[in-house]
Amino acid sequence: QVHLVESGGGLVQPGGSLRLTCAASGSTFSINAMGWYRQAPGKQRELVAIMSTSGGRTNYADSVKGRFTISGDNAENTVYLQMNSLKPEDTAIYYCYAQRIYTDYWGQGTQVTVSS
């Protein structure tokens, strides 16, 4: 089992920045990918950004390219999401995600609200 804990969400004004952190614990060996999804009210959960733990290959949703950056610390089993130039449409619950041996794991989620 892999346990994921997110932190760093909150309320921010449009144009502001936030940094989300996800720490993985438990059976963290053989995690092959970690990333972030989000779900806005009334919408389906969608991929925000994801990275492979070997090689660091990344993939981003078109809506966040150039504004969000995913990074990770394999030694600490931690993944970060730096979010800049935030927009009201980025408001959602952000979920940390990890894939290990064909099994998906999810964090509890952290609320990000972008509003003036």
C-alpha atoms as a PDB file:
ATOM      1  CA  GLN A   1       0.000   0.000   0.000  1.00  0.00           C
ATOM      2  CA  VAL A   2       1.014   3.586  -0.696  1.00  0.00           C
ATOM      3  CA  HIS A   3      -0.244   6.434   1.460  1.00  0.00           C
ATOM      4  CA  LEU A   4      -0.315   9.921  -0.053  1.00  0.00           C
ATOM      5  CA  VAL A   5      -0.684  13.159   1.909  1.00  0.00           C
ATOM      6  CA  GLU A   6      -1.136  16.527   0.191  1.00  0.00           C
ATOM      7  CA  SER A   7      -0.495  19.977   1.597  1.00  0.00           C
ATOM      8  CA  GLY A   8      -0.250  23.547   0.380  1.00  0.00           C
ATOM      9  CA  GLY A   9      -3.735  24.327  -0.860  1.00  0.00           C
ATOM     10  CA  GLY A  10      -5.613  27.476   0.042  1.00  0.00           C
ATOM     11  CA  LEU A  11      -7.171  30.695  -1.172  1.00  0.00           C
ATOM     12  CA  VAL A  12      -5.226  32.875  -3.581  1.00  0.00           C
ATOM     13  CA  GLN A  13      -6.063  35.860  -5.757  1.00  0.00           C
ATOM     14  CA  PRO A  14      -6.012  35.600  -9.545  1.00  0.00           C
ATOM     15  CA  GLY A  15      -2.444  35.902 -10.799  1.00  0.00           C
ATOM     16  CA  GLY A  16      -1.052  34.514  -7.569  1.00  0.00           C
ATOM     17  CA  SER A  17       0.975  31.390  -6.860  1.00  0.00           C
ATOM     18  CA  LEU A  18       0.703  28.284  -4.712  1.00  0.00           C
ATOM     19  CA  ARG A  19       2.919  25.264  -4.214  1.00  0.00           C
ATOM     20  CA  LEU A  20       1.377  21.886  -3.510  1.00  0.00           C
ATOM     21  CA  THR A  21       3.344  19.103  -1.861  1.00  0.00           C
ATOM     22  CA  CYS A  22       2.575  15.378  -1.803  1.00  0.00           C
ATOM     23  CA  ALA A  23       4.467  12.999   0.428  1.00  0.00           C
ATOM     24  CA  ALA A  24       4.272   9.267  -0.185  1.00  0.00           C
ATOM     25  CA  SER A  25       4.806   6.640   2.483  1.00  0.00           C
ATOM     26  CA  GLY A  26       4.382   2.897   2.825  1.00  0.00           C
ATOM     27  CA  SER A  27       5.452   0.653  -0.031  1.00  0.00           C
ATOM     28  CA  THR A  28       7.055   3.437  -2.054  1.00  0.00           C
ATOM     29  CA  PHE A  29       9.547   1.248  -3.868  1.00  0.00           C
ATOM     30  CA  SER A  30       8.571   0.579  -7.474  1.00  0.00           C
ATOM     31  CA  ILE A  31       6.380   3.692  -7.743  1.00  0.00           C
ATOM     32  CA  ASN A  32       6.753   4.441 -11.439  1.00  0.00           C
ATOM     33  CA  ALA A  33       4.765   7.677 -11.687  1.00  0.00           C
ATOM     34  CA  MET A  34       3.465  10.448  -9.454  1.00  0.00           C
ATOM     35  CA  GLY A  35       1.374  13.448 -10.300  1.00  0.00           C
ATOM     36  CA  TRP A  36      -1.633  15.644  -9.746  1.00  0.00           C
ATOM     37  CA  TYR A  37      -5.251  15.528 -10.826  1.00  0.00           C
ATOM     38  CA  ARG A  38      -8.005  18.001 -10.030  1.00  0.00           C
ATOM     39  CA  GLN A  39     -11.769  18.009  -9.840  1.00  0.00           C
ATOM     40  CA  ALA A  40     -13.889  21.138 -10.015  1.00  0.00           C
ATOM     41  CA  PRO A  41     -17.527  21.185  -8.844  1.00  0.00           C
ATOM     42  CA  GLY A  42     -19.763  19.454 -11.369  1.00  0.00           C
ATOM     43  CA  LYS A  43     -16.832  18.309 -13.494  1.00  0.00           C
ATOM     44  CA  GLN A  44     -14.899  15.098 -13.949  1.00  0.00           C
ATOM     45  CA  ARG A  45     -11.507  14.569 -12.414  1.00  0.00           C
ATOM     46  CA  GLU A  46      -8.795  15.569 -14.883  1.00  0.00           C
ATOM     47  CA  LEU A  47      -5.054  15.186 -15.197  1.00  0.00           C
ATOM     48  CA  VAL A  48      -3.046  18.295 -14.308  1.00  0.00           C
ATOM     49  CA  ALA A  49       0.534  17.049 -14.443  1.00  0.00           C
ATOM     50  CA  ILE A  50       2.372  13.772 -14.070  1.00  0.00           C
ATOM     51  CA  MET A  51       5.979  12.652 -14.017  1.00  0.00           C
ATOM     52  CA  SER A  52       7.812   9.367 -14.205  1.00  0.00           C
ATOM     53  CA  THR A  53      10.020   8.545 -11.259  1.00  0.00           C
ATOM     54  CA  SER A  54      12.721   7.176 -13.534  1.00  0.00           C
ATOM     55  CA  GLY A  55      13.976   9.702 -16.042  1.00  0.00           C
ATOM     56  CA  GLY A  56      11.685  12.482 -14.873  1.00  0.00           C
ATOM     57  CA  ARG A  57       9.554  12.592 -18.035  1.00  0.00           C
ATOM     58  CA  THR A  58       6.599  14.957 -17.534  1.00  0.00           C
ATOM     59  CA  ASN A  59       3.207  15.543 -19.085  1.00  0.00           C
ATOM     60  CA  TYR A  60       0.878  18.496 -18.535  1.00  0.00           C
ATOM     61  CA  ALA A  61      -2.697  19.377 -19.327  1.00  0.00           C
ATOM     62  CA  ASP A  62      -2.816  22.001 -22.074  1.00  0.00           C
ATOM     63  CA  SER A  63      -4.660  24.363 -19.750  1.00  0.00           C
ATOM     64  CA  VAL A  64      -1.727  24.574 -17.328  1.00  0.00           C
ATOM     65  CA  LYS A  65       1.279  24.425 -19.656  1.00  0.00           C
ATOM     66  CA  GLY A  66       3.607  27.351 -19.050  1.00  0.00           C
ATOM     67  CA  ARG A  67       2.012  28.119 -15.682  1.00  0.00           C
ATOM     68  CA  PHE A  68       2.413  24.957 -13.599  1.00  0.00           C
ATOM     69  CA  THR A  69       5.576  22.956 -12.981  1.00  0.00           C
ATOM     70  CA  ILE A  70       5.766  19.464 -11.518  1.00  0.00           C
ATOM     71  CA  SER A  71       8.921  18.300  -9.782  1.00  0.00           C
ATOM     72  CA  GLY A  72       9.916  15.519  -7.462  1.00  0.00           C
ATOM     73  CA  ASP A  73      12.393  14.296  -4.889  1.00  0.00           C
ATOM     74  CA  ASN A  74      12.785  10.544  -5.270  1.00  0.00           C
ATOM     75  CA  ALA A  75      14.867  10.252  -2.109  1.00  0.00           C
ATOM     76  CA  GLU A  76      12.032  11.812  -0.088  1.00  0.00           C
ATOM     77  CA  ASN A  77       9.214  10.193  -2.133  1.00  0.00           C
ATOM     78  CA  THR A  78       7.736  13.644  -2.591  1.00  0.00           C
ATOM     79  CA  VAL A  79       6.220  15.414  -5.572  1.00  0.00           C
ATOM     80  CA  TYR A  80       5.534  19.125  -5.892  1.00  0.00           C
ATOM     81  CA  LEU A  81       3.285  21.241  -8.069  1.00  0.00           C
ATOM     82  CA  GLN A  82       4.300  24.871  -8.450  1.00  0.00           C
ATOM     83  CA  MET A  83       1.300  26.833  -9.704  1.00  0.00           C
ATOM     84  CA  ASN A  84       1.843  30.340 -11.048  1.00  0.00           C
ATOM     85  CA  SER A  85      -0.453  32.836 -12.753  1.00  0.00           C
ATOM     86  CA  LEU A  86      -3.448  31.145 -11.192  1.00  0.00           C
ATOM     87  CA  LYS A  87      -6.862  31.709 -12.716  1.00  0.00           C
ATOM     88  CA  PRO A  88     -10.359  31.336 -11.246  1.00  0.00           C
ATOM     89  CA  GLU A  89     -10.861  28.290 -13.473  1.00  0.00           C
ATOM     90  CA  ASP A  90      -8.012  26.554 -11.616  1.00  0.00           C
ATOM     91  CA  THR A  91     -10.290  26.356  -8.588  1.00  0.00           C
ATOM     92  CA  ALA A  92     -10.704  22.686  -7.693  1.00  0.00           C
ATOM     93  CA  ILE A  93      -9.765  19.953  -5.287  1.00  0.00           C
ATOM     94  CA  TYR A  94      -6.285  18.797  -6.220  1.00  0.00           C
ATOM     95  CA  TYR A  95      -5.479  15.132  -5.693  1.00  0.00           C
ATOM     96  CA  CYS A  96      -2.064  13.568  -5.521  1.00  0.00           C
ATOM     97  CA  TYR A  97      -1.706  10.398  -7.596  1.00  0.00           C
ATOM     98  CA  ALA A  98       0.808   7.567  -7.643  1.00  0.00           C
ATOM     99  CA  GLN A  99       1.035   4.461  -9.752  1.00  0.00           C
ATOM    100  CA  ARG A 100       2.831   1.394  -8.455  1.00  0.00           C
ATOM    101  CA  ILE A 101       2.868  -1.938 -10.228  1.00  0.00           C
ATOM    102  CA  TYR A 102      -0.312  -1.208 -12.189  1.00  0.00           C
ATOM    103  CA  THR A 103      -2.185  -0.018  -9.072  1.00  0.00           C
ATOM    104  CA  ASP A 104      -3.410   3.563  -8.690  1.00  0.00           C
ATOM    105  CA  TYR A 105      -3.239   5.393  -5.362  1.00  0.00           C
ATOM    106  CA  TRP A 106      -4.893   8.683  -4.425  1.00  0.00           C
ATOM    107  CA  GLY A 107      -4.503  11.252  -1.710  1.00  0.00           C
ATOM    108  CA  GLN A 108      -7.436  12.803   0.142  1.00  0.00           C
ATOM    109  CA  GLY A 109      -7.193  16.036  -1.835  1.00  0.00           C
ATOM    110  CA  THR A 110      -6.451  19.657  -1.040  1.00  0.00           C
ATOM    111  CA  GLN A 111      -8.689  22.578  -1.951  1.00  0.00           C
ATOM    112  CA  VAL A 112      -7.334  25.333  -4.182  1.00  0.00           C
ATOM    113  CA  THR A 113      -9.546  28.390  -4.560  1.00  0.00           C
ATOM    114  CA  VAL A 114      -8.622  31.250  -6.875  1.00  0.00           C
ATOM    115  CA  SER A 115     -10.789  34.264  -6.193  1.00  0.00           C
ATOM    116  CA  SER A 116     -10.572  37.988  -5.589  1.00  0.00           C
END
